[in-house]
Amino acid sequence: MAFTKRKIAIFVHGCFWHRCPACAKRYPKSNRSYWLPKLRANVARDKRKEAELRKAGWRVLVIWEHELKKGKLPLRVLNALRKA
């Protein structure tokens, strides 16, 4: 999501696809020659895009899939929008 007037970018990352530090500790056991480079490339792209946005003056928030499973929007998103 992007709030262009406030320059806030919110990424909602799937824990498996983007290697959530809290959840994604294991890699797939099958077809590792495909999955390891794929998942590592996702993480590298995420870091690159976040850095580009920050350099351009944007605030970047990453919301992880497991945070949304609780059925609530994380408070840090609401707080960021209030402060902007």
PDB file of N, CA and C in Angstrom:
ATOM      1  N   MET A   1       0.849  -1.160   0.000  1.00  0.00           N
ATOM      2  CA  MET A   1       0.000   0.000   0.000  1.00  0.00           C
ATOM      3  C   MET A   1       0.896   1.225   0.000  1.00  0.00           C
ATOM      4  N   ALA A   2       0.449   2.252  -0.649  1.00  0.00           N
ATOM      5  CA  ALA A   2       1.223   3.486  -0.674  1.00  0.00           C
ATOM      6  C   ALA A   2       0.306   4.657  -0.344  1.00  0.00           C
ATOM      7  N   PHE A   3       0.747   5.466   0.602  1.00  0.00           N
ATOM      8  CA  PHE A   3       0.066   6.703   0.950  1.00  0.00           C
ATOM      9  C   PHE A   3       0.963   7.819   0.427  1.00  0.00           C
ATOM     10  N   THR A   4       0.712   8.208  -0.820  1.00  0.00           N
ATOM     11  CA  THR A   4       1.643   9.083  -1.530  1.00  0.00           C
ATOM     12  C   THR A   4       1.779  10.462  -0.901  1.00  0.00           C
ATOM     13  N   LYS A   5       0.699  11.037  -0.441  1.00  0.00           N
ATOM     14  CA  LYS A   5       0.790  12.376   0.171  1.00  0.00           C
ATOM     15  C   LYS A   5       1.594  12.339   1.456  1.00  0.00           C
ATOM     16  N   ARG A   6       1.518  11.241   2.176  1.00  0.00           N
ATOM     17  CA  ARG A   6       2.240  11.106   3.444  1.00  0.00           C
ATOM     18  C   ARG A   6       3.595  10.429   3.268  1.00  0.00           C
ATOM     19  N   LYS A   7       3.863   9.943   2.062  1.00  0.00           N
ATOM     20  CA  LYS A   7       5.101   9.224   1.748  1.00  0.00           C
ATOM     21  C   LYS A   7       5.329   8.056   2.708  1.00  0.00           C
ATOM     22  N   ILE A   8       4.294   7.221   2.816  1.00  0.00           N
ATOM     23  CA  ILE A   8       4.376   6.012   3.626  1.00  0.00           C
ATOM     24  C   ILE A   8       4.101   4.823   2.708  1.00  0.00           C
ATOM     25  N   ALA A   9       5.018   3.869   2.715  1.00  0.00           N
ATOM     26  CA  ALA A   9       4.841   2.627   1.955  1.00  0.00           C
ATOM     27  C   ALA A   9       4.691   1.492   2.955  1.00  0.00           C
ATOM     28  N   ILE A  10       3.652   0.686   2.775  1.00  0.00           N
ATOM     29  CA  ILE A  10       3.404  -0.446   3.656  1.00  0.00           C
ATOM     30  C   ILE A  10       3.439  -1.710   2.812  1.00  0.00           C
ATOM     31  N   PHE A  11       4.371  -2.584   3.149  1.00  0.00           N
ATOM     32  CA  PHE A  11       4.484  -3.870   2.483  1.00  0.00           C
ATOM     33  C   PHE A  11       3.855  -4.922   3.376  1.00  0.00           C
ATOM     34  N   VAL A  12       3.047  -5.788   2.796  1.00  0.00           N
ATOM     35  CA  VAL A  12       2.484  -6.922   3.514  1.00  0.00           C
ATOM     36  C   VAL A  12       3.151  -8.163   2.930  1.00  0.00           C
ATOM     37  N   HIS A  13       4.044  -8.744   3.717  1.00  0.00           N
ATOM     38  CA  HIS A  13       4.841  -9.870   3.252  1.00  0.00           C
ATOM     39  C   HIS A  13       4.318 -11.193   3.783  1.00  0.00           C
ATOM     40  N   GLY A  14       4.242 -12.166   2.899  1.00  0.00           N
ATOM     41  CA  GLY A  14       3.960 -13.529   3.314  1.00  0.00           C
ATOM     42  C   GLY A  14       5.179 -14.081   4.038  1.00  0.00           C
ATOM     43  N   CYS A  15       4.966 -14.731   5.154  1.00  0.00           N
ATOM     44  CA  CYS A  15       6.077 -15.220   5.973  1.00  0.00           C
ATOM     45  C   CYS A  15       6.976 -16.192   5.215  1.00  0.00           C
ATOM     46  N   PHE A  16       6.397 -17.107   4.446  1.00  0.00           N
ATOM     47  CA  PHE A  16       7.209 -18.065   3.696  1.00  0.00           C
ATOM     48  C   PHE A  16       7.962 -17.376   2.563  1.00  0.00           C
ATOM     49  N   TRP A  17       7.252 -16.613   1.741  1.00  0.00           N
ATOM     50  CA  TRP A  17       7.828 -16.041   0.523  1.00  0.00           C
ATOM     51  C   TRP A  17       8.906 -15.005   0.790  1.00  0.00           C
ATOM     52  N   HIS A  18       8.801 -14.304   1.892  1.00  0.00           N
ATOM     53  CA  HIS A  18       9.741 -13.209   2.176  1.00  0.00           C
ATOM     54  C   HIS A  18      10.625 -13.502   3.373  1.00  0.00           C
ATOM     55  N   ARG A  19      10.577 -14.736   3.879  1.00  0.00           N
ATOM     56  CA  ARG A  19      11.468 -15.230   4.932  1.00  0.00           C
ATOM     57  C   ARG A  19      11.352 -14.437   6.226  1.00  0.00           C
ATOM     58  N   CYS A  20      10.170 -14.419   6.778  1.00  0.00           N
ATOM     59  CA  CYS A  20       9.927 -13.751   8.063  1.00  0.00           C
ATOM     60  C   CYS A  20      10.936 -14.245   9.097  1.00  0.00           C
ATOM     61  N   PRO A  21      11.620 -13.330   9.780  1.00  0.00           N
ATOM     62  CA  PRO A  21      12.593 -13.768  10.772  1.00  0.00           C
ATOM     63  C   PRO A  21      11.966 -14.522  11.944  1.00  0.00           C
ATOM     64  N   ALA A  22      10.694 -14.310  12.197  1.00  0.00           N
ATOM     65  CA  ALA A  22      10.031 -14.985  13.309  1.00  0.00           C
ATOM     66  C   ALA A  22       9.459 -16.344  12.911  1.00  0.00           C
ATOM     67  N   CYS A  23       9.134 -16.528  11.637  1.00  0.00           N
ATOM     68  CA  CYS A  23       8.410 -17.735  11.217  1.00  0.00           C
ATOM     69  C   CYS A  23       9.170 -18.638  10.262  1.00  0.00           C
ATOM     70  N   ALA A  24       9.858 -18.070   9.328  1.00  0.00           N
ATOM     71  CA  ALA A  24      10.385 -18.825   8.188  1.00  0.00           C
ATOM     72  C   ALA A  24      11.801 -19.332   8.440  1.00  0.00           C
ATOM     73  N   LYS A  25      11.974 -20.133   9.455  1.00  0.00           N
ATOM     74  CA  LYS A  25      13.303 -20.622   9.790  1.00  0.00           C
ATOM     75  C   LYS A  25      13.691 -21.834   8.951  1.00  0.00           C
ATOM     76  N   ARG A  26      12.721 -22.530   8.399  1.00  0.00           N
ATOM     77  CA  ARG A  26      13.006 -23.715   7.606  1.00  0.00           C
ATOM     78  C   ARG A  26      12.790 -23.425   6.125  1.00  0.00           C
ATOM     79  N   TYR A  27      13.638 -24.038   5.328  1.00  0.00           N
ATOM     80  CA  TYR A  27      13.486 -23.975   3.878  1.00  0.00           C
ATOM     81  C   TYR A  27      12.808 -25.255   3.414  1.00  0.00           C
ATOM     82  N   PRO A  28      12.226 -25.238   2.235  1.00  0.00           N
ATOM     83  CA  PRO A  28      11.610 -26.458   1.714  1.00  0.00           C
ATOM     84  C   PRO A  28      12.638 -27.571   1.576  1.00  0.00           C
ATOM     85  N   LYS A  29      12.192 -28.790   1.767  1.00  0.00           N
ATOM     86  CA  LYS A  29      13.092 -29.943   1.674  1.00  0.00           C
ATOM     87  C   LYS A  29      13.212 -30.459   0.236  1.00  0.00           C
ATOM     88  N   SER A  30      12.188 -30.255  -0.565  1.00  0.00           N
ATOM     89  CA  SER A  30      12.239 -30.737  -1.943  1.00  0.00           C
ATOM     90  C   SER A  30      12.534 -29.575  -2.895  1.00  0.00           C
ATOM     91  N   ASN A  31      13.137 -29.914  -4.007  1.00  0.00           N
ATOM     92  CA  ASN A  31      13.451 -28.959  -5.071  1.00  0.00           C
ATOM     93  C   ASN A  31      14.224 -27.738  -4.554  1.00  0.00           C
ATOM     94  N   ARG A  32      15.182 -27.986  -3.691  1.00  0.00           N
ATOM     95  CA  ARG A  32      15.948 -26.910  -3.064  1.00  0.00           C
ATOM     96  C   ARG A  32      16.727 -26.075  -4.074  1.00  0.00           C
ATOM     97  N   SER A  33      17.131 -26.671  -5.170  1.00  0.00           N
ATOM     98  CA  SER A  33      17.886 -25.918  -6.174  1.00  0.00           C
ATOM     99  C   SER A  33      17.029 -24.814  -6.787  1.00  0.00           C
ATOM    100  N   TYR A  34      15.725 -24.960  -6.740  1.00  0.00           N
ATOM    101  CA  TYR A  34      14.813 -23.903  -7.191  1.00  0.00           C
ATOM    102  C   TYR A  34      14.481 -22.947  -6.054  1.00  0.00           C
ATOM    103  N   TRP A  35      14.077 -23.502  -4.913  1.00  0.00           N
ATOM    104  CA  TRP A  35      13.540 -22.685  -3.838  1.00  0.00           C
ATOM    105  C   TRP A  35      14.570 -21.799  -3.143  1.00  0.00           C
ATOM    106  N   LEU A  36      15.750 -22.298  -2.888  1.00  0.00           N
ATOM    107  CA  LEU A  36      16.733 -21.480  -2.168  1.00  0.00           C
ATOM    108  C   LEU A  36      17.070 -20.197  -2.920  1.00  0.00           C
ATOM    109  N   PRO A  37      17.433 -20.262  -4.204  1.00  0.00           N
ATOM    110  CA  PRO A  37      17.696 -19.003  -4.915  1.00  0.00           C
ATOM    111  C   PRO A  37      16.463 -18.108  -5.025  1.00  0.00           C
ATOM    112  N   LYS A  38      15.292 -18.723  -5.230  1.00  0.00           N
ATOM    113  CA  LYS A  38      14.046 -17.949  -5.354  1.00  0.00           C
ATOM    114  C   LYS A  38      13.772 -17.149  -4.085  1.00  0.00           C
ATOM    115  N   LEU A  39      13.825 -17.804  -2.942  1.00  0.00           N
ATOM    116  CA  LEU A  39      13.517 -17.128  -1.676  1.00  0.00           C
ATOM    117  C   LEU A  39      14.591 -16.106  -1.321  1.00  0.00           C
ATOM    118  N   ARG A  40      15.842 -16.429  -1.577  1.00  0.00           N
ATOM    119  CA  ARG A  40      16.919 -15.466  -1.313  1.00  0.00           C
ATOM    120  C   ARG A  40      16.786 -14.233  -2.211  1.00  0.00           C
ATOM    121  N   ALA A  41      16.373 -14.440  -3.448  1.00  0.00           N
ATOM    122  CA  ALA A  41      16.163 -13.307  -4.360  1.00  0.00           C
ATOM    123  C   ALA A  41      15.015 -12.428  -3.881  1.00  0.00           C
ATOM    124  N   ASN A  42      13.965 -13.034  -3.346  1.00  0.00           N
ATOM    125  CA  ASN A  42      12.851 -12.247  -2.800  1.00  0.00           C
ATOM    126  C   ASN A  42      13.341 -11.328  -1.681  1.00  0.00           C
ATOM    127  N   VAL A  43      14.129 -11.877  -0.764  1.00  0.00           N
ATOM    128  CA  VAL A  43      14.631 -11.103   0.368  1.00  0.00           C
ATOM    129  C   VAL A  43      15.554  -9.989  -0.119  1.00  0.00           C
ATOM    130  N   ALA A  44      16.415 -10.288  -1.067  1.00  0.00           N
ATOM    131  CA  ALA A  44      17.327  -9.271  -1.603  1.00  0.00           C
ATOM    132  C   ALA A  44      16.551  -8.150  -2.284  1.00  0.00           C
ATOM    133  N   ARG A  45      15.528  -8.505  -3.061  1.00  0.00           N
ATOM    134  CA  ARG A  45      14.697  -7.491  -3.719  1.00  0.00           C
ATOM    135  C   ARG A  45      13.968  -6.635  -2.692  1.00  0.00           C
ATOM    136  N   ASP A  46      13.435  -7.269  -1.644  1.00  0.00           N
ATOM    137  CA  ASP A  46      12.749  -6.509  -0.593  1.00  0.00           C
ATOM    138  C   ASP A  46      13.672  -5.458   0.009  1.00  0.00           C
ATOM    139  N   LYS A  47      14.890  -5.866   0.353  1.00  0.00           N
ATOM    140  CA  LYS A  47      15.854  -4.935   0.954  1.00  0.00           C
ATOM    141  C   LYS A  47      16.189  -3.797  -0.001  1.00  0.00           C
ATOM    142  N   ARG A  48      16.384  -4.142  -1.261  1.00  0.00           N
ATOM    143  CA  ARG A  48      16.717  -3.133  -2.270  1.00  0.00           C
ATOM    144  C   ARG A  48      15.584  -2.117  -2.436  1.00  0.00           C
ATOM    145  N   LYS A  49      14.358  -2.592  -2.544  1.00  0.00           N
ATOM    146  CA  LYS A  49      13.206  -1.695  -2.732  1.00  0.00           C
ATOM    147  C   LYS A  49      12.969  -0.819  -1.503  1.00  0.00           C
ATOM    148  N   GLU A  50      13.103  -1.404  -0.318  1.00  0.00           N
ATOM    149  CA  GLU A  50      12.947  -0.615   0.909  1.00  0.00           C
ATOM    150  C   GLU A  50      13.995   0.482   0.972  1.00  0.00           C
ATOM    151  N   ALA A  51      15.237   0.160   0.627  1.00  0.00           N
ATOM    152  CA  ALA A  51      16.322   1.149   0.651  1.00  0.00           C
ATOM    153  C   ALA A  51      16.063   2.265  -0.361  1.00  0.00           C
ATOM    154  N   GLU A  52      15.581   1.914  -1.540  1.00  0.00           N
ATOM    155  CA  GLU A  52      15.271   2.925  -2.557  1.00  0.00           C
ATOM    156  C   GLU A  52      14.196   3.891  -2.071  1.00  0.00           C
ATOM    157  N   LEU A  53      13.164   3.348  -1.456  1.00  0.00           N
ATOM    158  CA  LEU A  53      12.087   4.197  -0.946  1.00  0.00           C
ATOM    159  C   LEU A  53      12.577   5.107   0.176  1.00  0.00           C
ATOM    160  N   ARG A  54      13.345   4.558   1.101  1.00  0.00           N
ATOM    161  CA  ARG A  54      13.869   5.376   2.205  1.00  0.00           C
ATOM    162  C   ARG A  54      14.763   6.495   1.682  1.00  0.00           C
ATOM    163  N   LYS A  55      15.579   6.179   0.706  1.00  0.00           N
ATOM    164  CA  LYS A  55      16.461   7.181   0.104  1.00  0.00           C
ATOM    165  C   LYS A  55      15.647   8.310  -0.532  1.00  0.00           C
ATOM    166  N   ALA A  56      14.467   7.975  -1.042  1.00  0.00           N
ATOM    167  CA  ALA A  56      13.579   8.962  -1.657  1.00  0.00           C
ATOM    168  C   ALA A  56      12.720   9.691  -0.626  1.00  0.00           C
ATOM    169  N   GLY A  57      12.947   9.413   0.661  1.00  0.00           N
ATOM    170  CA  GLY A  57      12.232  10.130   1.706  1.00  0.00           C
ATOM    171  C   GLY A  57      10.951   9.482   2.197  1.00  0.00           C
ATOM    172  N   TRP A  58      10.738   8.240   1.859  1.00  0.00           N
ATOM    173  CA  TRP A  58       9.537   7.533   2.290  1.00  0.00           C
ATOM    174  C   TRP A  58       9.778   6.821   3.603  1.00  0.00           C
ATOM    175  N   ARG A  59       8.707   6.680   4.380  1.00  0.00           N
ATOM    176  CA  ARG A  59       8.720   5.808   5.563  1.00  0.00           C
ATOM    177  C   ARG A  59       8.213   4.453   5.096  1.00  0.00           C
ATOM    178  N   VAL A  60       8.913   3.399   5.480  1.00  0.00           N
ATOM    179  CA  VAL A  60       8.577   2.045   5.034  1.00  0.00           C
ATOM    180  C   VAL A  60       8.220   1.196   6.246  1.00  0.00           C
ATOM    181  N   LEU A  61       7.075   0.556   6.164  1.00  0.00           N
ATOM    182  CA  LEU A  61       6.650  -0.389   7.195  1.00  0.00           C
ATOM    183  C   LEU A  61       6.455  -1.751   6.541  1.00  0.00           C
ATOM    184  N   VAL A  62       6.903  -2.785   7.225  1.00  0.00           N
ATOM    185  CA  VAL A  62       6.692  -4.151   6.747  1.00  0.00           C
ATOM    186  C   VAL A  62       5.774  -4.853   7.741  1.00  0.00           C
ATOM    187  N   ILE A  63       4.679  -5.347   7.234  1.00  0.00           N
ATOM    188  CA  ILE A  63       3.723  -6.108   8.028  1.00  0.00           C
ATOM    189  C   ILE A  63       3.854  -7.560   7.585  1.00  0.00           C
ATOM    190  N   TRP A  64       4.013  -8.441   8.542  1.00  0.00           N
ATOM    191  CA  TRP A  64       4.162  -9.860   8.229  1.00  0.00           C
ATOM    192  C   TRP A  64       2.819 -10.560   8.304  1.00  0.00           C
ATOM    193  N   GLU A  65       2.675 -11.564   7.472  1.00  0.00           N
ATOM    194  CA  GLU A  65       1.455 -12.363   7.393  1.00  0.00           C
ATOM    195  C   GLU A  65       0.973 -12.814   8.770  1.00  0.00           C
ATOM    196  N   HIS A  66       1.878 -13.271   9.630  1.00  0.00           N
ATOM    197  CA  HIS A  66       1.452 -13.778  10.936  1.00  0.00           C
ATOM    198  C   HIS A  66       0.875 -12.671  11.809  1.00  0.00           C
ATOM    199  N   GLU A  67       1.248 -11.422  11.559  1.00  0.00           N
ATOM    200  CA  GLU A  67       0.677 -10.312  12.330  1.00  0.00           C
ATOM    201  C   GLU A  67      -0.791 -10.102  11.971  1.00  0.00           C
ATOM    202  N   LEU A  68      -1.147 -10.346  10.740  1.00  0.00           N
ATOM    203  CA  LEU A  68      -2.523 -10.142  10.292  1.00  0.00           C
ATOM    204  C   LEU A  68      -3.435 -11.294  10.683  1.00  0.00           C
ATOM    205  N   LYS A  69      -2.876 -12.450  10.978  1.00  0.00           N
ATOM    206  CA  LYS A  69      -3.691 -13.592  11.367  1.00  0.00           C
ATOM    207  C   LYS A  69      -4.399 -13.361  12.693  1.00  0.00           C
ATOM    208  N   LYS A  70      -3.930 -12.398  13.438  1.00  0.00           N
ATOM    209  CA  LYS A  70      -4.571 -12.080  14.715  1.00  0.00           C
ATOM    210  C   LYS A  70      -5.877 -11.316  14.503  1.00  0.00           C
ATOM    211  N   GLY A  71      -6.159 -10.940  13.250  1.00  0.00           N
ATOM    212  CA  GLY A  71      -7.414 -10.265  12.937  1.00  0.00           C
ATOM    213  C   GLY A  71      -7.410  -8.781  13.198  1.00  0.00           C
ATOM    214  N   LYS A  72      -6.243  -8.211  13.415  1.00  0.00           N
ATOM    215  CA  LYS A  72      -6.159  -6.785  13.690  1.00  0.00           C
ATOM    216  C   LYS A  72      -5.072  -6.162  12.833  1.00  0.00           C
ATOM    217  N   LEU A  73      -5.275  -4.919  12.492  1.00  0.00           N
ATOM    218  CA  LEU A  73      -4.219  -4.166  11.831  1.00  0.00           C
ATOM    219  C   LEU A  73      -3.198  -3.796  12.898  1.00  0.00           C
ATOM    220  N   PRO A  74      -1.930  -4.097  12.674  1.00  0.00           N
ATOM    221  CA  PRO A  74      -0.925  -3.781  13.700  1.00  0.00           C
ATOM    222  C   PRO A  74      -0.943  -2.306  14.089  1.00  0.00           C
ATOM    223  N   LEU A  75      -0.817  -2.050  15.365  1.00  0.00           N
ATOM    224  CA  LEU A  75      -0.876  -0.681  15.878  1.00  0.00           C
ATOM    225  C   LEU A  75       0.186   0.214  15.279  1.00  0.00           C
ATOM    226  N   ARG A  76       1.323  -0.333  14.911  1.00  0.00           N
ATOM    227  CA  ARG A  76       2.363   0.520  14.356  1.00  0.00           C
ATOM    228  C   ARG A  76       1.950   1.127  13.023  1.00  0.00           C
ATOM    229  N   VAL A  77       1.040   0.474  12.279  1.00  0.00           N
ATOM    230  CA  VAL A  77       0.527   1.060  11.050  1.00  0.00           C
ATOM    231  C   VAL A  77      -0.357   2.258  11.385  1.00  0.00           C
ATOM    232  N   LEU A  78      -1.255   2.061  12.320  1.00  0.00           N
ATOM    233  CA  LEU A  78      -2.129   3.160  12.731  1.00  0.00           C
ATOM    234  C   LEU A  78      -1.331   4.333  13.286  1.00  0.00           C
ATOM    235  N   ASN A  79      -0.333   4.034  14.096  1.00  0.00           N
ATOM    236  CA  ASN A  79       0.503   5.090  14.659  1.00  0.00           C
ATOM    237  C   ASN A  79       1.259   5.845  13.574  1.00  0.00           C
ATOM    238  N   ALA A  80       1.768   5.134  12.594  1.00  0.00           N
ATOM    239  CA  ALA A  80       2.504   5.789  11.498  1.00  0.00           C
ATOM    240  C   ALA A  80       1.588   6.718  10.711  1.00  0.00           C
ATOM    241  N   LEU A  81       0.352   6.276  10.489  1.00  0.00           N
ATOM    242  CA  LEU A  81      -0.584   7.112   9.735  1.00  0.00           C
ATOM    243  C   LEU A  81      -1.015   8.336  10.549  1.00  0.00           C
ATOM    244  N   ARG A  82      -1.137   8.182  11.840  1.00  0.00           N
ATOM    245  CA  ARG A  82      -1.507   9.315  12.695  1.00  0.00           C
ATOM    246  C   ARG A  82      -0.408  10.373  12.739  1.00  0.00           C
ATOM    247  N   LYS A  83       0.841   9.923  12.769  1.00  0.00           N
ATOM    248  CA  LYS A  83       1.978  10.837  12.882  1.00  0.00           C
ATOM    249  C   LYS A  83       2.263  11.579  11.585  1.00  0.00           C
ATOM    250  N   ALA A  84       1.847  11.017  10.462  1.00  0.00           N
ATOM    251  CA  ALA A  84       2.183  11.611   9.168  1.00  0.00           C
ATOM    252  C   ALA A  84       1.324  12.822   8.864  1.00  0.00           C
TER     253      ALA A  84
END
